[in-house]
Amino acid sequence: MVRINGNDVHCDGKKVIDYINEAGYDKTKIAIELNEDILPKAEYETTVLKDGDVVEVVSFVGGG
């Protein structure tokens, strides 16, 4: 089980990019924190989520 934005999600064994796409996020408008470290966008396609991981998905919102 992976905790994503405070919710337990069954996605261990899945690549970060696959979760992002399935959840409907635009990878150009988000940042991913994995276990309290920012995950570089270049690593989204190679990083596999593991049981016990904690992920925060932060969306950027424009305004002013």
N, C-alpha and C. Protein backbone atom coordinates (compact mmCIF):
# COMPACT_ATOMS: atom_id res chain seq x y z
N MET A 1 0.85 -1.17 0.00
CA MET A 1 0.00 0.00 0.00
C MET A 1 0.90 1.24 0.00
N VAL A 2 0.56 2.21 -0.80
CA VAL A 2 1.29 3.47 -0.91
C VAL A 2 0.37 4.58 -0.41
N ARG A 3 0.89 5.48 0.40
CA ARG A 3 0.09 6.60 0.88
C ARG A 3 0.32 7.78 -0.07
N ILE A 4 -0.75 8.20 -0.76
CA ILE A 4 -0.66 9.31 -1.72
C ILE A 4 -1.61 10.41 -1.27
N ASN A 5 -1.05 11.58 -1.02
CA ASN A 5 -1.82 12.73 -0.54
C ASN A 5 -2.73 12.35 0.63
N GLY A 6 -2.20 11.53 1.54
CA GLY A 6 -2.93 11.16 2.74
C GLY A 6 -3.87 9.99 2.60
N ASN A 7 -3.97 9.40 1.41
CA ASN A 7 -4.86 8.26 1.18
C ASN A 7 -4.05 7.01 0.84
N ASP A 8 -4.47 5.87 1.38
CA ASP A 8 -3.81 4.61 1.04
C ASP A 8 -4.31 4.14 -0.33
N VAL A 9 -3.37 3.86 -1.22
CA VAL A 9 -3.68 3.49 -2.60
C VAL A 9 -2.93 2.21 -2.95
N HIS A 10 -3.61 1.28 -3.62
CA HIS A 10 -2.97 0.05 -4.07
C HIS A 10 -2.25 0.32 -5.39
N CYS A 11 -1.03 0.77 -5.32
CA CYS A 11 -0.28 1.02 -6.56
C CYS A 11 1.18 0.65 -6.41
N ASP A 12 1.51 -0.16 -5.38
CA ASP A 12 2.90 -0.59 -5.26
C ASP A 12 3.23 -1.49 -6.44
N GLY A 13 4.45 -1.32 -6.95
CA GLY A 13 4.88 -2.03 -8.15
C GLY A 13 4.62 -1.25 -9.42
N LYS A 14 3.96 -0.11 -9.30
CA LYS A 14 3.62 0.71 -10.47
C LYS A 14 4.64 1.85 -10.58
N LYS A 15 4.98 2.21 -11.80
CA LYS A 15 5.88 3.34 -12.02
C LYS A 15 5.13 4.65 -11.72
N VAL A 16 5.88 5.64 -11.26
CA VAL A 16 5.28 6.94 -10.94
C VAL A 16 4.55 7.52 -12.15
N ILE A 17 5.16 7.44 -13.33
CA ILE A 17 4.52 7.99 -14.53
C ILE A 17 3.19 7.32 -14.82
N ASP A 18 3.09 6.02 -14.56
CA ASP A 18 1.82 5.32 -14.79
C ASP A 18 0.75 5.80 -13.82
N TYR A 19 1.12 5.99 -12.56
CA TYR A 19 0.15 6.52 -11.60
C TYR A 19 -0.31 7.91 -12.02
N ILE A 20 0.62 8.77 -12.39
CA ILE A 20 0.29 10.14 -12.81
C ILE A 20 -0.71 10.13 -13.96
N ASN A 21 -0.43 9.32 -14.96
CA ASN A 21 -1.32 9.25 -16.12
C ASN A 21 -2.69 8.71 -15.76
N GLU A 22 -2.74 7.64 -14.97
CA GLU A 22 -4.02 7.05 -14.58
C GLU A 22 -4.85 7.98 -13.71
N ALA A 23 -4.17 8.78 -12.90
CA ALA A 23 -4.88 9.70 -12.01
C ALA A 23 -5.30 10.99 -12.73
N GLY A 24 -4.83 11.18 -13.97
CA GLY A 24 -5.24 12.33 -14.77
C GLY A 24 -4.43 13.59 -14.54
N TYR A 25 -3.25 13.46 -13.94
CA TYR A 25 -2.39 14.63 -13.73
C TYR A 25 -1.63 14.97 -15.00
N ASP A 26 -1.34 16.26 -15.19
CA ASP A 26 -0.47 16.73 -16.26
C ASP A 26 0.92 16.87 -15.65
N LYS A 27 1.86 16.03 -16.07
CA LYS A 27 3.17 16.01 -15.41
C LYS A 27 3.93 17.32 -15.52
N THR A 28 3.53 18.19 -16.44
CA THR A 28 4.19 19.48 -16.57
C THR A 28 3.70 20.48 -15.53
N LYS A 29 2.59 20.13 -14.83
CA LYS A 29 2.00 21.07 -13.87
C LYS A 29 1.98 20.54 -12.45
N ILE A 30 2.83 19.54 -12.17
CA ILE A 30 2.88 18.98 -10.82
C ILE A 30 4.33 18.78 -10.38
N ALA A 31 4.48 18.59 -9.09
CA ALA A 31 5.75 18.15 -8.51
C ALA A 31 5.40 16.94 -7.65
N ILE A 32 6.33 15.99 -7.59
CA ILE A 32 6.12 14.78 -6.80
C ILE A 32 7.15 14.77 -5.66
N GLU A 33 6.64 14.58 -4.46
CA GLU A 33 7.51 14.36 -3.30
C GLU A 33 7.38 12.89 -2.93
N LEU A 34 8.49 12.19 -2.91
CA LEU A 34 8.50 10.76 -2.58
C LEU A 34 9.34 10.57 -1.33
N ASN A 35 8.69 10.14 -0.25
CA ASN A 35 9.37 9.92 1.02
C ASN A 35 10.17 11.15 1.45
N GLU A 36 9.52 12.31 1.36
CA GLU A 36 10.05 13.61 1.81
C GLU A 36 11.16 14.18 0.94
N ASP A 37 11.38 13.62 -0.25
CA ASP A 37 12.34 14.17 -1.20
C ASP A 37 11.63 14.47 -2.51
N ILE A 38 11.98 15.59 -3.14
CA ILE A 38 11.42 15.92 -4.45
C ILE A 38 11.98 14.94 -5.47
N LEU A 39 11.09 14.35 -6.25
CA LEU A 39 11.49 13.40 -7.29
C LEU A 39 11.67 14.17 -8.59
N PRO A 40 12.87 14.15 -9.18
CA PRO A 40 13.07 14.85 -10.46
C PRO A 40 12.16 14.27 -11.55
N LYS A 41 11.62 15.13 -12.38
CA LYS A 41 10.73 14.68 -13.46
C LYS A 41 11.39 13.62 -14.33
N ALA A 42 12.69 13.69 -14.50
CA ALA A 42 13.41 12.72 -15.32
C ALA A 42 13.33 11.31 -14.74
N GLU A 43 12.98 11.19 -13.45
CA GLU A 43 12.91 9.89 -12.81
C GLU A 43 11.48 9.33 -12.71
N TYR A 44 10.49 10.07 -13.20
CA TYR A 44 9.10 9.60 -13.13
C TYR A 44 8.92 8.28 -13.88
N GLU A 45 9.62 8.10 -14.99
CA GLU A 45 9.43 6.91 -15.82
C GLU A 45 10.21 5.70 -15.33
N THR A 46 11.14 5.89 -14.40
CA THR A 46 11.94 4.76 -13.93
C THR A 46 11.71 4.42 -12.46
N THR A 47 11.08 5.32 -11.72
CA THR A 47 10.86 5.09 -10.29
C THR A 47 9.62 4.23 -10.08
N VAL A 48 9.79 3.13 -9.37
CA VAL A 48 8.70 2.21 -9.07
C VAL A 48 8.27 2.43 -7.62
N LEU A 49 6.96 2.59 -7.42
CA LEU A 49 6.43 2.77 -6.08
C LEU A 49 6.49 1.45 -5.31
N LYS A 50 6.86 1.56 -4.03
CA LYS A 50 6.99 0.36 -3.19
C LYS A 50 6.05 0.46 -2.00
N ASP A 51 5.68 -0.69 -1.47
CA ASP A 51 4.86 -0.75 -0.29
C ASP A 51 5.48 0.11 0.81
N GLY A 52 4.69 0.98 1.41
CA GLY A 52 5.18 1.85 2.48
C GLY A 52 5.64 3.22 2.02
N ASP A 53 5.74 3.45 0.70
CA ASP A 53 6.13 4.77 0.21
C ASP A 53 5.07 5.81 0.58
N VAL A 54 5.53 7.05 0.77
CA VAL A 54 4.65 8.17 1.03
C VAL A 54 4.87 9.18 -0.08
N VAL A 55 3.80 9.50 -0.80
CA VAL A 55 3.88 10.39 -1.97
C VAL A 55 2.96 11.58 -1.76
N GLU A 56 3.44 12.76 -2.12
CA GLU A 56 2.62 13.95 -2.18
C GLU A 56 2.69 14.47 -3.60
N VAL A 57 1.52 14.71 -4.18
CA VAL A 57 1.45 15.29 -5.52
C VAL A 57 1.00 16.74 -5.34
N VAL A 58 1.85 17.67 -5.77
CA VAL A 58 1.56 19.09 -5.63
C VAL A 58 1.29 19.66 -7.00
N SER A 59 0.10 20.27 -7.16
CA SER A 59 -0.27 20.89 -8.44
C SER A 59 0.04 22.36 -8.39
N PHE A 60 0.55 22.88 -9.51
CA PHE A 60 0.82 24.30 -9.63
C PHE A 60 -0.41 25.00 -10.19
N VAL A 61 -0.78 26.11 -9.57
CA VAL A 61 -1.95 26.86 -9.99
C VAL A 61 -1.51 28.29 -10.28
N GLY A 62 -1.86 28.77 -11.46
CA GLY A 62 -1.51 30.13 -11.82
C GLY A 62 -2.54 31.12 -11.28
N GLY A 63 -2.18 32.33 -11.23
CA GLY A 63 -3.12 33.36 -10.77
C GLY A 63 -2.37 34.64 -10.51
N GLY A 64 -3.10 35.59 -10.04
CA GLY A 64 -2.39 36.81 -9.72
C GLY A 64 -3.26 37.99 -9.69
